[in-house]
Amino acid sequence: MMRTLVSLLLVIAVGALAALDWLLITTPVDISPIEPSGTAAPPSARNDSPRRLMLDDTTTANFPDTSARPLFWPERRPVRPVGIASEPAAATTPPAPIELRVAGIHVDGKGRRRALIVAPGQPLEQWIDEGGEVDGWTLTRISRDAILLEAGGRSEELRLPSAR
């Protein structure tokens, strides 16, 4: 008896859902635009012509920088300010005092050496191979507990925190 009652309720529920689905599918939806509240104009004063925007009459000639530097092109370069000559940095100038820290050293089975470097202003550490560069410094040597960085004729040795 209980099984029959549950089956009957299930059939009624499925039938009600099917009827509701049919009703929702066959009922048209009004998607016509409405006037904003408080600004409704009488039908005689409405202007049914399309809205004009400020940029409707402009051409790409009005935007030479945009035309010269399209947004998603690999050749895109930053705009250089007018009247300011950019000077290349001198190669012999040593970088600022070193603010890097060594967080780890890894040597794999093939002898490849890498150091985990923490740089100021960087959200994540980065693995640098021997010979790689970070913040203008070249990582020239990695030993078991220290690394050697060189730049502009200057060298700095950084040790692992546990090796101090």
N, C-alpha and C. Protein backbone atom coordinates (compact mmCIF):
# COMPACT_ATOMS: atom_id res chain seq x y z
N MET A 1 0.82 -1.19 0.00
CA MET A 1 0.00 0.00 0.00
C MET A 1 0.87 1.26 0.00
N MET A 2 1.91 1.28 0.85
CA MET A 2 2.81 2.43 0.95
C MET A 2 3.55 2.65 -0.37
N ARG A 3 3.98 1.58 -0.97
CA ARG A 3 4.70 1.66 -2.24
C ARG A 3 3.80 2.26 -3.32
N THR A 4 2.56 1.89 -3.35
CA THR A 4 1.60 2.41 -4.33
C THR A 4 1.39 3.90 -4.11
N LEU A 5 1.28 4.33 -2.86
CA LEU A 5 1.07 5.74 -2.54
C LEU A 5 2.28 6.58 -2.97
N VAL A 6 3.48 6.09 -2.70
CA VAL A 6 4.71 6.80 -3.11
C VAL A 6 4.78 6.88 -4.63
N SER A 7 4.45 5.80 -5.32
CA SER A 7 4.47 5.80 -6.79
C SER A 7 3.47 6.79 -7.33
N LEU A 8 2.26 6.86 -6.73
CA LEU A 8 1.23 7.78 -7.18
C LEU A 8 1.68 9.22 -6.98
N LEU A 9 2.27 9.53 -5.82
CA LEU A 9 2.78 10.89 -5.57
C LEU A 9 3.91 11.27 -6.53
N LEU A 10 4.76 10.32 -6.85
CA LEU A 10 5.84 10.56 -7.80
C LEU A 10 5.29 10.86 -9.19
N VAL A 11 4.28 10.12 -9.63
CA VAL A 11 3.67 10.36 -10.94
C VAL A 11 3.00 11.72 -10.97
N ILE A 12 2.33 12.09 -9.89
CA ILE A 12 1.67 13.41 -9.83
C ILE A 12 2.72 14.52 -9.88
N ALA A 13 3.83 14.37 -9.13
CA ALA A 13 4.88 15.40 -9.11
C ALA A 13 5.52 15.56 -10.49
N VAL A 14 5.82 14.45 -11.16
CA VAL A 14 6.41 14.51 -12.51
C VAL A 14 5.43 15.15 -13.48
N GLY A 15 4.15 14.81 -13.36
CA GLY A 15 3.14 15.41 -14.23
C GLY A 15 3.02 16.91 -14.00
N ALA A 16 3.07 17.35 -12.73
CA ALA A 16 2.99 18.77 -12.43
C ALA A 16 4.20 19.52 -12.98
N LEU A 17 5.38 18.93 -12.86
CA LEU A 17 6.58 19.57 -13.42
C LEU A 17 6.52 19.66 -14.94
N ALA A 18 6.01 18.62 -15.58
CA ALA A 18 5.88 18.64 -17.04
C ALA A 18 4.89 19.72 -17.47
N ALA A 19 3.78 19.87 -16.72
CA ALA A 19 2.79 20.90 -17.06
C ALA A 19 3.38 22.29 -16.87
N LEU A 20 4.12 22.49 -15.79
CA LEU A 20 4.76 23.78 -15.55
C LEU A 20 5.79 24.09 -16.63
N ASP A 21 6.56 23.11 -17.02
CA ASP A 21 7.55 23.29 -18.09
C ASP A 21 6.87 23.68 -19.39
N TRP A 22 5.79 23.00 -19.74
CA TRP A 22 5.05 23.32 -20.97
C TRP A 22 4.51 24.73 -20.91
N LEU A 23 3.99 25.12 -19.73
CA LEU A 23 3.44 26.47 -19.57
C LEU A 23 4.53 27.53 -19.74
N LEU A 24 5.71 27.29 -19.17
CA LEU A 24 6.81 28.25 -19.29
C LEU A 24 7.34 28.35 -20.71
N ILE A 25 7.38 27.24 -21.41
CA ILE A 25 7.89 27.25 -22.78
C ILE A 25 6.94 27.95 -23.73
N THR A 26 5.66 27.77 -23.54
CA THR A 26 4.68 28.31 -24.49
C THR A 26 4.26 29.74 -24.18
N THR A 27 4.58 30.27 -23.01
CA THR A 27 4.19 31.64 -22.65
C THR A 27 5.21 32.61 -23.24
N PRO A 28 4.75 33.58 -24.06
CA PRO A 28 5.70 34.54 -24.63
C PRO A 28 6.22 35.49 -23.54
N VAL A 29 7.45 35.94 -23.72
CA VAL A 29 8.08 36.85 -22.78
C VAL A 29 8.19 38.21 -23.44
N ASP A 30 7.73 39.24 -22.74
CA ASP A 30 7.78 40.60 -23.26
C ASP A 30 9.17 41.18 -22.98
N ILE A 31 9.95 41.38 -24.04
CA ILE A 31 11.30 41.93 -23.87
C ILE A 31 11.43 43.33 -24.46
N SER A 32 10.30 44.00 -24.66
CA SER A 32 10.36 45.34 -25.23
C SER A 32 10.93 46.30 -24.19
N PRO A 33 11.68 47.32 -24.62
CA PRO A 33 12.28 48.26 -23.68
C PRO A 33 11.21 49.08 -22.98
N ILE A 34 11.49 49.50 -21.77
CA ILE A 34 10.57 50.34 -21.04
C ILE A 34 11.24 51.67 -20.75
N GLU A 35 10.44 52.69 -20.52
CA GLU A 35 10.97 54.01 -20.20
C GLU A 35 11.45 54.01 -18.76
N PRO A 36 12.56 54.69 -18.46
CA PRO A 36 13.00 54.79 -17.07
C PRO A 36 11.93 55.51 -16.24
N SER A 37 11.82 55.13 -14.98
CA SER A 37 10.80 55.73 -14.14
C SER A 37 11.09 57.21 -13.91
N GLY A 38 10.01 58.02 -13.92
CA GLY A 38 10.13 59.45 -13.66
C GLY A 38 10.49 60.26 -14.88
N THR A 39 10.88 59.64 -15.98
CA THR A 39 11.26 60.41 -17.17
C THR A 39 10.42 60.01 -18.38
N ALA A 40 9.28 59.38 -18.13
CA ALA A 40 8.46 58.93 -19.26
C ALA A 40 7.91 60.12 -20.02
N ALA A 41 8.14 60.12 -21.30
CA ALA A 41 7.64 61.19 -22.16
C ALA A 41 6.34 60.72 -22.81
N PRO A 42 5.44 61.66 -23.12
CA PRO A 42 4.22 61.25 -23.81
C PRO A 42 4.56 60.65 -25.17
N PRO A 43 3.74 59.74 -25.68
CA PRO A 43 4.06 59.06 -26.94
C PRO A 43 4.34 60.02 -28.09
N SER A 44 3.73 61.21 -28.10
CA SER A 44 3.95 62.15 -29.19
C SER A 44 5.34 62.79 -29.11
N ALA A 45 5.93 62.85 -27.91
CA ALA A 45 7.23 63.50 -27.75
C ALA A 45 8.40 62.53 -27.88
N ARG A 46 8.14 61.24 -27.97
CA ARG A 46 9.22 60.25 -28.06
C ARG A 46 9.96 60.36 -29.38
N ASN A 47 11.26 60.19 -29.31
CA ASN A 47 12.09 60.19 -30.51
C ASN A 47 12.53 58.75 -30.74
N ASP A 48 12.02 58.09 -31.75
CA ASP A 48 12.34 56.70 -32.00
C ASP A 48 13.60 56.51 -32.84
N SER A 49 14.33 57.61 -33.13
CA SER A 49 15.58 57.47 -33.88
C SER A 49 16.66 56.92 -32.94
N PRO A 50 17.65 56.22 -33.48
CA PRO A 50 18.70 55.65 -32.63
C PRO A 50 19.49 56.74 -31.93
N ARG A 51 19.98 56.45 -30.73
CA ARG A 51 20.76 57.43 -29.96
C ARG A 51 22.09 57.69 -30.65
N ARG A 52 22.54 58.92 -30.58
CA ARG A 52 23.83 59.30 -31.14
C ARG A 52 24.84 59.37 -29.99
N LEU A 53 26.01 58.87 -30.24
CA LEU A 53 27.07 58.89 -29.25
C LEU A 53 28.14 59.90 -29.65
N MET A 54 28.97 60.32 -28.68
CA MET A 54 30.00 61.32 -28.96
C MET A 54 30.99 60.85 -30.01
N LEU A 55 31.29 59.57 -30.06
CA LEU A 55 32.32 59.06 -30.97
C LEU A 55 31.76 58.59 -32.31
N ASP A 56 30.46 58.81 -32.57
CA ASP A 56 29.88 58.32 -33.82
C ASP A 56 30.52 58.94 -35.06
N ASP A 57 30.91 60.20 -35.00
CA ASP A 57 31.45 60.88 -36.18
C ASP A 57 32.97 60.89 -36.22
N THR A 58 33.63 60.18 -35.33
CA THR A 58 35.09 60.18 -35.33
C THR A 58 35.62 59.02 -36.16
N THR A 59 36.87 59.17 -36.60
CA THR A 59 37.53 58.12 -37.36
C THR A 59 38.84 57.76 -36.66
N THR A 60 39.50 56.75 -37.16
CA THR A 60 40.78 56.38 -36.55
C THR A 60 41.84 57.47 -36.74
N ALA A 61 41.64 58.36 -37.68
CA ALA A 61 42.59 59.46 -37.87
C ALA A 61 42.61 60.38 -36.65
N ASN A 62 41.52 60.39 -35.87
CA ASN A 62 41.47 61.22 -34.67
C ASN A 62 42.29 60.61 -33.53
N PHE A 63 42.75 59.38 -33.69
CA PHE A 63 43.49 58.68 -32.65
C PHE A 63 44.79 58.11 -33.22
N PRO A 64 45.77 58.95 -33.53
CA PRO A 64 46.99 58.46 -34.17
C PRO A 64 47.79 57.50 -33.29
N ASP A 65 47.80 57.72 -31.97
CA ASP A 65 48.56 56.81 -31.09
C ASP A 65 47.96 55.42 -31.10
N THR A 66 46.65 55.34 -31.11
CA THR A 66 45.99 54.03 -31.13
C THR A 66 46.26 53.32 -32.45
N SER A 67 46.24 54.06 -33.54
CA SER A 67 46.52 53.45 -34.84
C SER A 67 47.97 53.01 -34.96
N ALA A 68 48.88 53.79 -34.37
CA ALA A 68 50.31 53.47 -34.48
C ALA A 68 50.70 52.32 -33.56
N ARG A 69 49.96 52.12 -32.47
CA ARG A 69 50.31 51.09 -31.49
C ARG A 69 49.08 50.25 -31.17
N PRO A 70 48.64 49.38 -32.08
CA PRO A 70 47.45 48.57 -31.80
C PRO A 70 47.62 47.75 -30.52
N LEU A 71 46.54 47.58 -29.81
CA LEU A 71 46.58 47.04 -28.46
C LEU A 71 47.17 45.65 -28.36
N PHE A 72 46.79 44.71 -29.20
CA PHE A 72 47.21 43.33 -29.02
C PHE A 72 48.26 42.88 -30.04
N TRP A 73 49.12 43.76 -30.45
CA TRP A 73 50.20 43.41 -31.37
C TRP A 73 51.47 43.16 -30.59
N PRO A 74 52.26 42.17 -30.98
CA PRO A 74 53.51 41.90 -30.25
C PRO A 74 54.52 43.04 -30.37
N GLU A 75 54.42 43.85 -31.41
CA GLU A 75 55.37 44.94 -31.61
C GLU A 75 55.00 46.18 -30.81
N ARG A 76 53.93 46.15 -30.05
CA ARG A 76 53.47 47.31 -29.29
C ARG A 76 54.55 47.74 -28.30
N ARG A 77 54.84 49.01 -28.26
CA ARG A 77 55.84 49.57 -27.36
C ARG A 77 55.22 50.74 -26.60
N PRO A 78 55.75 51.07 -25.44
CA PRO A 78 55.21 52.21 -24.69
C PRO A 78 55.49 53.53 -25.40
N VAL A 79 54.66 54.51 -25.12
CA VAL A 79 54.83 55.84 -25.70
C VAL A 79 55.97 56.53 -25.00
N ARG A 80 56.85 57.15 -25.77
CA ARG A 80 57.94 57.91 -25.19
C ARG A 80 57.47 59.36 -25.02
N PRO A 81 57.65 59.94 -23.84
CA PRO A 81 57.23 61.32 -23.63
C PRO A 81 57.97 62.26 -24.58
N VAL A 82 57.27 63.25 -25.08
CA VAL A 82 57.84 64.21 -26.01
C VAL A 82 58.80 65.13 -25.27
N GLY A 83 59.97 65.36 -25.84
CA GLY A 83 60.94 66.30 -25.30
C GLY A 83 61.89 65.69 -24.28
N ILE A 84 61.72 64.45 -23.93
CA ILE A 84 62.62 63.81 -22.97
C ILE A 84 63.41 62.74 -23.71
N ALA A 85 64.70 62.92 -23.77
CA ALA A 85 65.55 61.93 -24.44
C ALA A 85 65.90 60.85 -23.44
N SER A 86 65.66 59.62 -23.82
CA SER A 86 66.00 58.53 -22.90
C SER A 86 67.45 58.13 -23.13
N GLU A 87 68.18 58.02 -22.03
CA GLU A 87 69.58 57.63 -22.11
C GLU A 87 69.71 56.18 -21.68
N PRO A 88 70.45 55.39 -22.45
CA PRO A 88 70.63 54.01 -22.02
C PRO A 88 71.48 53.97 -20.76
N ALA A 89 71.17 53.02 -19.88
CA ALA A 89 71.92 52.89 -18.63
C ALA A 89 73.35 52.44 -18.94
N ALA A 90 74.29 53.00 -18.22
CA ALA A 90 75.69 52.64 -18.43
C ALA A 90 75.91 51.20 -17.98
N ALA A 91 76.59 50.43 -18.81
CA ALA A 91 76.81 49.02 -18.52
C ALA A 91 77.81 48.83 -17.38
N THR A 92 78.65 49.83 -17.13
CA THR A 92 79.67 49.70 -16.10
C THR A 92 79.16 50.10 -14.72
N THR A 93 77.99 50.70 -14.64
CA THR A 93 77.45 51.12 -13.36
C THR A 93 76.99 49.90 -12.58
N PRO A 94 77.52 49.68 -11.40
CA PRO A 94 77.08 48.51 -10.63
C PRO A 94 75.65 48.71 -10.14
N PRO A 95 74.92 47.63 -9.99
CA PRO A 95 73.55 47.76 -9.50
C PRO A 95 73.53 48.26 -8.06
N ALA A 96 72.36 48.61 -7.61
CA ALA A 96 72.18 49.09 -6.25
C ALA A 96 72.63 48.02 -5.27
N PRO A 97 72.79 48.38 -4.01
CA PRO A 97 73.19 47.37 -3.03
C PRO A 97 72.26 46.17 -3.09
N ILE A 98 72.84 45.01 -2.90
CA ILE A 98 72.09 43.77 -3.08
C ILE A 98 71.06 43.61 -1.96
N GLU A 99 69.84 43.28 -2.36
CA GLU A 99 68.77 43.06 -1.40
C GLU A 99 68.17 41.67 -1.59
N LEU A 100 68.88 40.81 -2.27
CA LEU A 100 68.39 39.46 -2.54
C LEU A 100 68.69 38.56 -1.36
N ARG A 101 67.90 37.50 -1.23
CA ARG A 101 68.15 36.49 -0.20
C ARG A 101 68.10 35.11 -0.84
N VAL A 102 68.87 34.18 -0.31
CA VAL A 102 68.87 32.80 -0.79
C VAL A 102 67.94 32.01 0.12
N ALA A 103 66.92 31.38 -0.49
CA ALA A 103 65.97 30.59 0.29
C ALA A 103 66.27 29.10 0.18
N GLY A 104 67.00 28.70 -0.87
CA GLY A 104 67.31 27.29 -1.01
C GLY A 104 68.27 27.04 -2.15
N ILE A 105 68.91 25.89 -2.12
CA ILE A 105 69.84 25.47 -3.18
C ILE A 105 69.48 24.05 -3.55
N HIS A 106 69.46 23.77 -4.87
CA HIS A 106 69.09 22.43 -5.35
C HIS A 106 70.13 21.96 -6.37
N VAL A 107 70.60 20.75 -6.18
CA VAL A 107 71.50 20.11 -7.14
C VAL A 107 70.84 18.80 -7.53
N ASP A 108 70.54 18.62 -8.82
CA ASP A 108 69.87 17.37 -9.23
C ASP A 108 70.91 16.29 -9.54
N GLY A 109 70.46 15.12 -9.92
CA GLY A 109 71.35 13.98 -10.18
C GLY A 109 72.28 14.19 -11.36
N LYS A 110 71.99 15.14 -12.23
CA LYS A 110 72.83 15.40 -13.40
C LYS A 110 73.83 16.53 -13.15
N GLY A 111 73.86 17.05 -11.92
CA GLY A 111 74.81 18.10 -11.58
C GLY A 111 74.29 19.50 -11.85
N ARG A 112 73.05 19.64 -12.28
CA ARG A 112 72.48 20.96 -12.52
C ARG A 112 72.24 21.65 -11.18
N ARG A 113 72.76 22.88 -11.05
CA ARG A 113 72.65 23.62 -9.80
C ARG A 113 71.71 24.82 -10.00
N ARG A 114 70.81 24.98 -9.01
CA ARG A 114 69.88 26.11 -9.04
C ARG A 114 69.75 26.67 -7.63
N ALA A 115 69.47 27.97 -7.56
CA ALA A 115 69.27 28.62 -6.27
C ALA A 115 67.88 29.25 -6.26
N LEU A 116 67.20 29.12 -5.13
CA LEU A 116 65.90 29.75 -4.93
C LEU A 116 66.14 31.13 -4.33
N ILE A 117 65.83 32.17 -5.13
CA ILE A 117 66.15 33.54 -4.76
C ILE A 117 64.87 34.29 -4.40
N VAL A 118 64.93 35.05 -3.31
CA VAL A 118 63.84 35.93 -2.90
C VAL A 118 64.28 37.35 -3.22
N ALA A 119 63.52 38.03 -4.10
CA ALA A 119 63.85 39.40 -4.49
C ALA A 119 62.82 40.34 -3.88
N PRO A 120 63.24 41.53 -3.44
CA PRO A 120 62.28 42.47 -2.86
C PRO A 120 61.28 42.92 -3.93
N GLY A 121 60.04 43.06 -3.52
CA GLY A 121 59.01 43.50 -4.45
C GLY A 121 58.45 42.38 -5.32
N GLN A 122 58.98 41.18 -5.22
CA GLN A 122 58.49 40.05 -5.99
C GLN A 122 57.61 39.20 -5.09
N PRO A 123 56.40 38.84 -5.53
CA PRO A 123 55.52 38.06 -4.66
C PRO A 123 55.98 36.62 -4.47
N LEU A 124 56.74 36.08 -5.42
CA LEU A 124 57.18 34.69 -5.34
C LEU A 124 58.69 34.59 -5.50
N GLU A 125 59.24 33.53 -4.93
CA GLU A 125 60.65 33.25 -5.13
C GLU A 125 60.84 32.78 -6.57
N GLN A 126 62.08 32.76 -7.04
CA GLN A 126 62.35 32.26 -8.38
C GLN A 126 63.62 31.41 -8.38
N TRP A 127 63.54 30.32 -9.15
CA TRP A 127 64.71 29.43 -9.28
C TRP A 127 65.61 30.01 -10.36
N ILE A 128 66.88 30.21 -10.04
CA ILE A 128 67.85 30.76 -10.98
C ILE A 128 68.96 29.72 -11.15
N ASP A 129 69.26 29.38 -12.41
CA ASP A 129 70.34 28.45 -12.71
C ASP A 129 71.69 29.17 -12.62
N GLU A 130 72.75 28.41 -12.47
CA GLU A 130 74.09 28.99 -12.54
C GLU A 130 74.24 29.67 -13.88
N GLY A 131 74.72 30.91 -13.90
CA GLY A 131 74.85 31.68 -15.12
C GLY A 131 73.64 32.56 -15.39
N GLY A 132 72.55 32.36 -14.66
CA GLY A 132 71.34 33.16 -14.84
C GLY A 132 71.47 34.52 -14.18
N GLU A 133 70.49 35.40 -14.46
CA GLU A 133 70.53 36.76 -13.92
C GLU A 133 69.29 37.05 -13.11
N VAL A 134 69.46 37.88 -12.09
CA VAL A 134 68.35 38.36 -11.28
C VAL A 134 68.70 39.76 -10.79
N ASP A 135 67.81 40.71 -11.01
CA ASP A 135 67.99 42.11 -10.60
C ASP A 135 69.33 42.70 -11.02
N GLY A 136 69.82 42.36 -12.20
CA GLY A 136 71.09 42.90 -12.71
C GLY A 136 72.32 42.15 -12.22
N TRP A 137 72.17 41.14 -11.41
CA TRP A 137 73.27 40.35 -10.88
C TRP A 137 73.31 39.02 -11.61
N THR A 138 74.52 38.53 -11.91
CA THR A 138 74.71 37.24 -12.55
C THR A 138 75.11 36.22 -11.49
N LEU A 139 74.42 35.11 -11.47
CA LEU A 139 74.71 34.03 -10.52
C LEU A 139 75.85 33.21 -11.10
N THR A 140 77.07 33.42 -10.58
CA THR A 140 78.25 32.78 -11.17
C THR A 140 78.63 31.45 -10.54
N ARG A 141 78.30 31.26 -9.25
CA ARG A 141 78.71 30.00 -8.60
C ARG A 141 77.68 29.63 -7.55
N ILE A 142 77.38 28.34 -7.48
CA ILE A 142 76.49 27.81 -6.43
C ILE A 142 77.23 26.69 -5.72
N SER A 143 77.42 26.86 -4.44
CA SER A 143 78.04 25.79 -3.64
C SER A 143 76.96 25.17 -2.76
N ARG A 144 77.37 24.31 -1.83
CA ARG A 144 76.42 23.58 -1.01
C ARG A 144 75.61 24.51 -0.11
N ASP A 145 76.19 25.62 0.37
CA ASP A 145 75.50 26.48 1.32
C ASP A 145 75.57 27.97 0.98
N ALA A 146 76.04 28.33 -0.22
CA ALA A 146 76.16 29.74 -0.58
C ALA A 146 76.13 29.90 -2.10
N ILE A 147 75.89 31.15 -2.52
CA ILE A 147 75.95 31.48 -3.95
C ILE A 147 76.84 32.71 -4.11
N LEU A 148 77.37 32.88 -5.31
CA LEU A 148 78.19 34.04 -5.62
C LEU A 148 77.52 34.80 -6.76
N LEU A 149 77.25 36.09 -6.52
CA LEU A 149 76.63 36.97 -7.51
C LEU A 149 77.64 38.01 -7.93
N GLU A 150 77.66 38.36 -9.24
CA GLU A 150 78.58 39.37 -9.75
C GLU A 150 77.84 40.34 -10.64
N ALA A 151 78.27 41.63 -10.56
CA ALA A 151 77.72 42.67 -11.42
C ALA A 151 78.66 43.86 -11.40
N GLY A 152 78.97 44.39 -12.56
CA GLY A 152 79.78 45.60 -12.67
C GLY A 152 81.11 45.52 -11.95
N GLY A 153 81.79 44.37 -12.01
CA GLY A 153 83.08 44.21 -11.37
C GLY A 153 82.98 43.97 -9.87
N ARG A 154 81.81 43.89 -9.34
CA ARG A 154 81.60 43.67 -7.92
C ARG A 154 81.04 42.28 -7.69
N SER A 155 81.40 41.63 -6.61
CA SER A 155 80.85 40.30 -6.32
C SER A 155 80.34 40.27 -4.88
N GLU A 156 79.28 39.51 -4.68
CA GLU A 156 78.65 39.36 -3.36
C GLU A 156 78.38 37.88 -3.14
N GLU A 157 78.69 37.41 -1.94
CA GLU A 157 78.37 36.04 -1.59
C GLU A 157 77.17 36.06 -0.64
N LEU A 158 76.16 35.27 -0.97
CA LEU A 158 74.99 35.14 -0.12
C LEU A 158 74.93 33.71 0.39
N ARG A 159 74.73 33.57 1.70
CA ARG A 159 74.70 32.25 2.32
C ARG A 159 73.27 31.89 2.69
N LEU A 160 73.02 30.58 2.74
CA LEU A 160 71.74 30.09 3.23
C LEU A 160 71.55 30.51 4.69
N PRO A 161 70.36 30.82 5.12
CA PRO A 161 70.16 31.25 6.51
C PRO A 161 70.62 30.23 7.53
N SER A 162 70.46 28.94 7.27
CA SER A 162 70.86 27.93 8.24
C SER A 162 72.39 27.73 8.26
N ALA A 163 73.10 28.25 7.24
CA ALA A 163 74.55 28.05 7.15
C ALA A 163 75.31 29.17 7.83
N ARG A 164 74.65 30.14 8.42
CA ARG A 164 75.34 31.27 9.03
C ARG A 164 75.84 30.98 10.39
